Amino acid sequence: MKNIIFICTGNTCRSPMAEAIAKSLCKSKEISILSRGTFVYSRLPINENAKIVLEKNNINVSEHYSKPITLSEFENADLILTMEKEQKNLLLQFNKNNNIKDNKVFTLYEYVLNKDLDIKDPFGTDINSYNDCFNEIYSLISKINFNKILEERMIGIGSDHGGFHLKEEIIKYLKENNISFKDYGTYSPEAVDYPIYAKKVAEDVANNKLDKGILICGTGIGISIAANKVRGIRAALCHDVFSAKATREHNNANILAMGERVIGVGLALEIVKTFLETPFSNEERHIKRINMIEE
């Protein structure tokens, strides 16, 4: 299940309109669509003008009451789309304060058209302004490929203090190549225990919340041993491109482990690229051996 959240300020105009529009356009039952606000002090129904405009366009509005976004919703969301840059910046600050680092918060204009524009708040204006706002939001959401969102799989990345700097370099690579990821920490070079981060990433890979994982410590050894304690995990320690390719083709490895103190950034990024792009061979002999590992 993929989770999409639309955000405005009070969650009575733009974001509930966006939620209703998206639900009318998205046919997949595997995508959950919600709307929330950044400043919500009491439960209020959808603005009457917004409701009128939606119904005029044959979009039914289920009973809606404004709600603020919660930490749990933020963590579990796969994509968060705000109406304005101000709301995006507030969420990014919220993100930073809670040590949740990933690339899933965009303005609606930024995500769809890569434009630095806001959707103006129609609150307090006449029905014509709400019509214009509806048309603007509808035009943008109609361009979203919901099937692509459903197909996108998240990469989980984690490290201890010994792998922190290499983790940050890999995150830059993932961002530059538009690869969805979730950063499980650690978030500084301060000493921590690698099994904690191995367990977090490995459990989410094993539970299919992540497509693959990347784990880094000083040598890559400890964090790979810890990850392989989780049932269903095949964490491979790779310090060369050939091994990264072979472990995907032969072992269907689902976690890549590396050591920051063993290899340089350039080679590490080539290994990451190879690991993420190489498919499993699906050959019967390899499937048999993987089944033996599982048993």
Protein backbone atom coordinates (compact mmCIF):
# COMPACT_ATOMS: atom_id res chain seq x y z
CA MET A 1 0.00 0.00 0.00
CA LYS A 2 1.29 3.44 -0.99
CA ASN A 3 0.32 6.46 1.09
CA ILE A 4 -0.12 9.94 -0.42
CA ILE A 5 -0.94 13.00 1.71
CA PHE A 6 -1.98 16.43 0.39
CA ILE A 7 -1.17 19.34 2.69
CA CYS A 8 -2.47 22.89 3.02
CA THR A 9 -2.68 25.15 6.06
CA GLY A 10 -6.10 24.61 7.62
CA ASN A 11 -7.18 21.46 5.73
CA THR A 12 -10.56 22.95 4.78
CA CYS A 13 -10.04 24.18 1.18
CA ARG A 14 -7.15 23.21 -1.08
CA SER A 15 -5.92 19.94 0.40
CA PRO A 16 -9.39 18.35 0.77
CA MET A 17 -10.13 19.39 -2.81
CA ALA A 18 -6.85 17.80 -3.88
CA GLU A 19 -7.70 14.64 -1.92
CA ALA A 20 -11.15 14.38 -3.54
CA ILE A 21 -9.77 15.03 -7.03
CA ALA A 22 -6.97 12.48 -6.61
CA LYS A 23 -9.39 9.85 -5.33
CA SER A 24 -11.62 10.44 -8.37
CA LEU A 25 -8.66 9.99 -10.74
CA CYS A 26 -6.77 7.19 -9.01
CA LYS A 27 -8.35 3.80 -9.60
CA SER A 28 -5.89 1.71 -7.59
CA LYS A 29 -7.02 0.25 -4.28
CA GLU A 30 -3.34 -0.05 -3.35
CA ILE A 31 -2.95 3.72 -2.95
CA SER A 32 -4.27 5.49 0.15
CA ILE A 33 -4.96 9.22 -0.32
CA LEU A 34 -5.46 11.64 2.58
CA SER A 35 -5.35 15.37 3.23
CA ARG A 36 -4.04 17.14 6.32
CA GLY A 37 -3.14 20.63 7.55
CA THR A 38 -0.08 22.27 9.08
CA PHE A 39 -2.11 24.49 11.46
CA VAL A 40 -5.36 22.84 12.55
CA TYR A 41 -6.81 23.85 15.91
CA SER A 42 -10.33 22.40 15.70
CA ARG A 43 -12.25 19.92 13.59
CA LEU A 44 -13.92 21.85 10.80
CA PRO A 45 -15.86 20.58 7.76
CA ILE A 46 -14.74 21.24 4.21
CA ASN A 47 -15.32 24.84 3.12
CA GLU A 48 -18.80 25.22 1.63
CA ASN A 49 -17.53 26.82 -1.59
CA ALA A 50 -14.99 24.01 -2.05
CA LYS A 51 -17.76 21.47 -1.55
CA ILE A 52 -20.03 23.21 -4.08
CA VAL A 53 -17.27 23.30 -6.71
CA LEU A 54 -16.41 19.62 -6.23
CA GLU A 55 -20.05 18.54 -6.48
CA LYS A 56 -20.51 20.74 -9.54
CA ASN A 57 -17.71 18.69 -11.15
CA ASN A 58 -19.36 15.40 -10.14
CA ILE A 59 -16.80 14.66 -7.46
CA ASN A 60 -18.37 13.36 -4.28
CA VAL A 61 -16.97 14.58 -0.99
CA SER A 62 -17.10 12.11 1.85
CA GLU A 63 -17.64 13.56 5.31
CA HIS A 64 -14.50 15.59 5.90
CA TYR A 65 -13.16 17.22 9.05
CA SER A 66 -9.86 19.02 9.21
CA LYS A 67 -6.95 17.22 10.87
CA PRO A 68 -3.27 18.06 11.48
CA ILE A 69 -0.62 15.75 10.10
CA THR A 70 0.81 13.45 12.76
CA LEU A 71 4.34 12.11 13.17
CA SER A 72 3.13 8.59 12.40
CA GLU A 73 1.42 9.74 9.20
CA PHE A 74 4.54 11.64 8.19
CA GLU A 75 6.75 8.60 8.74
CA ASN A 76 4.45 6.22 6.85
CA ALA A 77 3.75 8.49 3.88
CA ASP A 78 5.38 7.63 0.57
CA LEU A 79 4.61 11.02 -0.97
CA ILE A 80 3.59 14.34 0.61
CA LEU A 81 2.40 17.13 -1.69
CA THR A 82 1.90 20.64 -0.32
CA MET A 83 0.02 23.55 -1.85
CA GLU A 84 2.72 26.11 -1.00
CA LYS A 85 6.47 26.29 -0.39
CA GLU A 86 5.79 27.59 3.13
CA GLN A 87 4.02 24.35 4.05
CA LYS A 88 6.79 22.30 2.48
CA ASN A 89 9.42 24.19 4.51
CA LEU A 90 7.46 23.64 7.72
CA LEU A 91 7.33 19.90 7.04
CA LEU A 92 11.02 19.76 6.19
CA GLN A 93 11.76 21.44 9.53
CA PHE A 94 9.44 18.95 11.24
CA ASN A 95 11.33 16.26 9.34
CA LYS A 96 14.68 17.52 10.63
CA ASN A 97 13.48 17.88 14.20
CA ASN A 98 12.31 14.26 14.25
CA ASN A 99 15.40 12.82 12.52
CA ILE A 100 13.38 11.53 9.57
CA LYS A 101 15.41 12.04 6.42
CA ASP A 102 14.02 11.14 3.04
CA ASN A 103 12.95 12.79 -0.20
CA LYS A 104 9.16 12.58 -0.22
CA VAL A 105 7.99 16.17 0.42
CA PHE A 106 7.28 18.39 -2.60
CA THR A 107 4.96 21.21 -3.55
CA LEU A 108 2.35 20.03 -6.03
CA TYR A 109 3.80 22.28 -8.74
CA GLU A 110 7.33 21.07 -8.02
CA TYR A 111 6.38 17.39 -8.17
CA VAL A 112 4.30 17.60 -11.36
CA LEU A 113 5.93 20.36 -13.41
CA ASN A 114 9.19 21.09 -11.56
CA LYS A 115 8.05 24.69 -11.14
CA ASP A 116 8.58 27.01 -8.18
CA LEU A 117 4.92 28.05 -7.85
CA ASP A 118 2.27 28.06 -5.13
CA ILE A 119 -1.44 27.34 -5.31
CA LYS A 120 -3.09 30.45 -3.90
CA ASP A 121 -5.40 30.03 -0.92
CA PRO A 122 -9.01 30.85 -1.98
CA PHE A 123 -10.24 31.12 1.62
CA GLY A 124 -12.45 34.17 2.13
CA THR A 125 -13.01 34.74 -1.60
CA ASP A 126 -15.99 34.14 -3.88
CA ILE A 127 -17.04 30.98 -5.72
CA ASN A 128 -15.16 32.02 -8.86
CA SER A 129 -11.85 31.87 -6.98
CA TYR A 130 -12.72 28.37 -5.78
CA ASN A 131 -13.51 27.37 -9.36
CA ASP A 132 -10.12 28.65 -10.47
CA CYS A 133 -8.40 26.84 -7.60
CA PHE A 134 -10.21 23.60 -8.47
CA ASN A 135 -9.18 23.85 -12.12
CA GLU A 136 -5.56 24.54 -11.16
CA ILE A 137 -5.38 21.59 -8.77
CA TYR A 138 -7.24 19.28 -11.18
CA SER A 139 -4.88 20.18 -14.04
CA LEU A 140 -1.85 19.25 -11.92
CA ILE A 141 -3.20 16.07 -10.35
CA SER A 142 -4.45 14.78 -13.70
CA LYS A 143 -0.80 14.70 -14.81
CA ILE A 144 0.30 12.43 -11.95
CA ASN A 145 1.06 8.86 -13.01
CA PHE A 146 -0.42 6.90 -10.11
CA ASN A 147 0.66 3.59 -11.65
CA LYS A 148 4.26 4.77 -11.56
CA ILE A 149 3.91 5.71 -7.90
CA LEU A 150 2.56 2.24 -7.20
CA GLU A 151 5.49 0.62 -8.99
CA GLU A 152 8.15 2.74 -7.26
CA ARG A 153 9.99 0.89 -4.54
CA MET A 154 11.84 2.51 -1.70
CA ILE A 155 15.51 1.94 -0.88
CA GLY A 156 16.38 1.91 2.82
CA ILE A 157 19.79 3.15 3.91
CA GLY A 158 21.40 3.00 7.33
CA SER A 159 24.78 3.18 9.00
CA ASP A 160 26.58 3.50 12.29
CA HIS A 161 29.07 6.30 13.01
CA GLY A 162 31.77 4.45 11.07
CA GLY A 163 29.69 4.58 7.89
CA PHE A 164 28.00 7.95 8.37
CA HIS A 165 30.04 9.96 5.84
CA LEU A 166 29.75 7.34 3.09
CA LYS A 167 26.02 7.10 3.78
CA GLU A 168 25.68 10.83 3.16
CA GLU A 169 27.53 10.51 -0.16
CA ILE A 170 25.25 7.66 -1.24
CA ILE A 171 22.19 9.72 -0.30
CA LYS A 172 23.45 12.49 -2.61
CA TYR A 173 23.70 9.91 -5.40
CA LEU A 174 20.17 8.63 -4.75
CA LYS A 175 18.77 12.17 -4.82
CA GLU A 176 20.62 13.08 -8.01
CA ASN A 177 19.21 9.99 -9.71
CA ASN A 178 15.65 10.42 -8.39
CA ILE A 179 15.77 7.14 -6.49
CA SER A 180 13.27 7.04 -3.62
CA PHE A 181 14.90 6.26 -0.30
CA LYS A 182 14.42 6.38 3.44
CA ASP A 183 17.30 7.28 5.74
CA TYR A 184 17.22 5.17 8.91
CA GLY A 185 20.20 6.92 10.53
CA THR A 186 22.51 7.41 12.18
CA TYR A 187 22.40 11.15 11.59
CA SER A 188 25.80 12.20 12.96
CA PRO A 189 29.33 10.79 13.45
CA GLU A 190 28.65 10.30 17.17
CA ALA A 191 29.32 6.72 18.29
CA VAL A 192 26.34 4.35 18.09
CA ASP A 193 25.73 0.58 17.89
CA TYR A 194 25.49 -0.83 14.35
CA PRO A 195 23.03 -3.69 15.14
CA ILE A 196 20.30 -1.12 15.83
CA TYR A 197 20.46 0.28 12.29
CA ALA A 198 20.95 -3.10 10.68
CA LYS A 199 17.79 -4.37 12.37
CA LYS A 200 15.68 -1.34 11.34
CA VAL A 201 16.54 -1.62 7.65
CA ALA A 202 16.52 -5.42 7.54
CA GLU A 203 13.10 -5.76 9.13
CA ASP A 204 11.53 -3.32 6.66
CA VAL A 205 13.16 -5.13 3.73
CA ALA A 206 11.94 -8.48 5.07
CA ASN A 207 8.41 -7.07 5.53
CA ASN A 208 8.38 -5.70 1.94
CA LYS A 209 8.20 -2.08 3.09
CA LEU A 210 11.46 -1.59 1.17
CA ASP A 211 12.64 -3.00 -2.12
CA LYS A 212 16.29 -3.21 -1.08
CA GLY A 213 18.59 -1.92 1.64
CA ILE A 214 22.06 -0.42 1.90
CA LEU A 215 24.02 -0.70 5.15
CA ILE A 216 27.40 0.80 6.00
CA CYS A 217 29.71 0.56 8.98
CA GLY A 218 33.50 0.85 9.27
CA THR A 219 34.23 -2.46 7.54
CA GLY A 220 30.72 -3.57 6.53
CA ILE A 221 31.27 -6.83 8.38
CA GLY A 222 29.43 -6.22 11.64
CA ILE A 223 26.41 -4.55 10.08
CA SER A 224 26.03 -7.35 7.49
CA ILE A 225 26.24 -10.05 10.18
CA ALA A 226 23.54 -8.26 12.17
CA ALA A 227 21.27 -7.82 9.13
CA ASN A 228 21.53 -11.50 8.23
CA LYS A 229 20.06 -12.43 11.62
CA VAL A 230 16.68 -11.24 10.28
CA ARG A 231 14.77 -14.02 8.53
CA GLY A 232 14.45 -13.45 4.79
CA ILE A 233 17.47 -11.18 4.55
CA ARG A 234 20.37 -11.89 2.23
CA ALA A 235 22.86 -9.13 3.01
CA ALA A 236 25.98 -9.20 0.85
CA LEU A 237 29.23 -7.47 1.80
CA CYS A 238 30.64 -6.10 -1.47
CA HIS A 239 33.75 -4.03 -2.08
CA ASP A 240 33.95 -4.55 -5.84
CA VAL A 241 31.52 -4.20 -8.74
CA PHE A 242 31.80 -7.83 -9.84
CA SER A 243 30.62 -9.09 -6.43
CA ALA A 244 27.70 -6.64 -6.41
CA LYS A 245 26.57 -7.88 -9.82
CA ALA A 246 27.06 -11.55 -8.96
CA THR A 247 25.23 -11.41 -5.64
CA ARG A 248 22.17 -9.86 -7.29
CA GLU A 249 22.18 -12.37 -10.17
CA HIS A 250 22.99 -15.49 -8.13
CA ASN A 251 21.85 -14.81 -4.54
CA ASN A 252 19.06 -12.28 -5.14
CA ALA A 253 20.70 -10.30 -2.35
CA ASN A 254 18.31 -7.72 -0.90
CA ILE A 255 20.77 -5.72 1.19
CA LEU A 256 24.14 -4.32 0.14
CA ALA A 257 26.72 -3.86 2.91
CA MET A 258 29.91 -1.84 2.59
CA GLY A 259 32.71 -0.47 4.77
CA GLU A 260 33.54 3.23 4.73
CA ARG A 261 37.08 2.53 5.97
CA VAL A 262 37.66 -0.04 3.23
CA ILE A 263 36.69 1.66 -0.06
CA GLY A 264 36.49 5.14 -1.51
CA VAL A 265 33.37 7.07 -2.46
CA GLY A 266 33.78 6.65 -6.24
CA LEU A 267 33.96 2.87 -6.11
CA ALA A 268 31.16 2.72 -3.52
CA LEU A 269 28.81 4.62 -5.84
CA GLU A 270 29.62 2.27 -8.73
CA ILE A 271 28.84 -0.67 -6.46
CA VAL A 272 25.53 0.90 -5.40
CA LYS A 273 24.60 1.56 -9.05
CA THR A 274 25.38 -2.02 -10.03
CA PHE A 275 23.56 -3.52 -7.05
CA LEU A 276 20.40 -1.49 -7.66
CA GLU A 277 20.30 -2.01 -11.43
CA THR A 278 21.17 -5.72 -11.67
CA PRO A 279 18.16 -8.08 -11.70
CA PHE A 280 18.04 -11.58 -10.25
CA SER A 281 18.70 -14.22 -12.92
CA ASN A 282 15.68 -16.39 -11.96
CA GLU A 283 17.65 -19.47 -12.96
CA GLU A 284 16.41 -22.68 -11.38
CA ARG A 285 19.81 -23.57 -9.85
CA HIS A 286 19.98 -20.22 -8.03
CA ILE A 287 16.37 -20.42 -6.84
CA LYS A 288 17.08 -23.89 -5.42
CA ARG A 289 20.09 -22.62 -3.45
CA ILE A 290 18.24 -19.58 -2.13
CA ASN A 291 15.45 -21.88 -0.93
CA MET A 292 18.08 -23.96 0.87
CA ILE A 293 19.33 -20.81 2.61
CA GLU A 294 15.79 -19.98 3.72
CA GLU A 295 15.28 -23.48 5.10
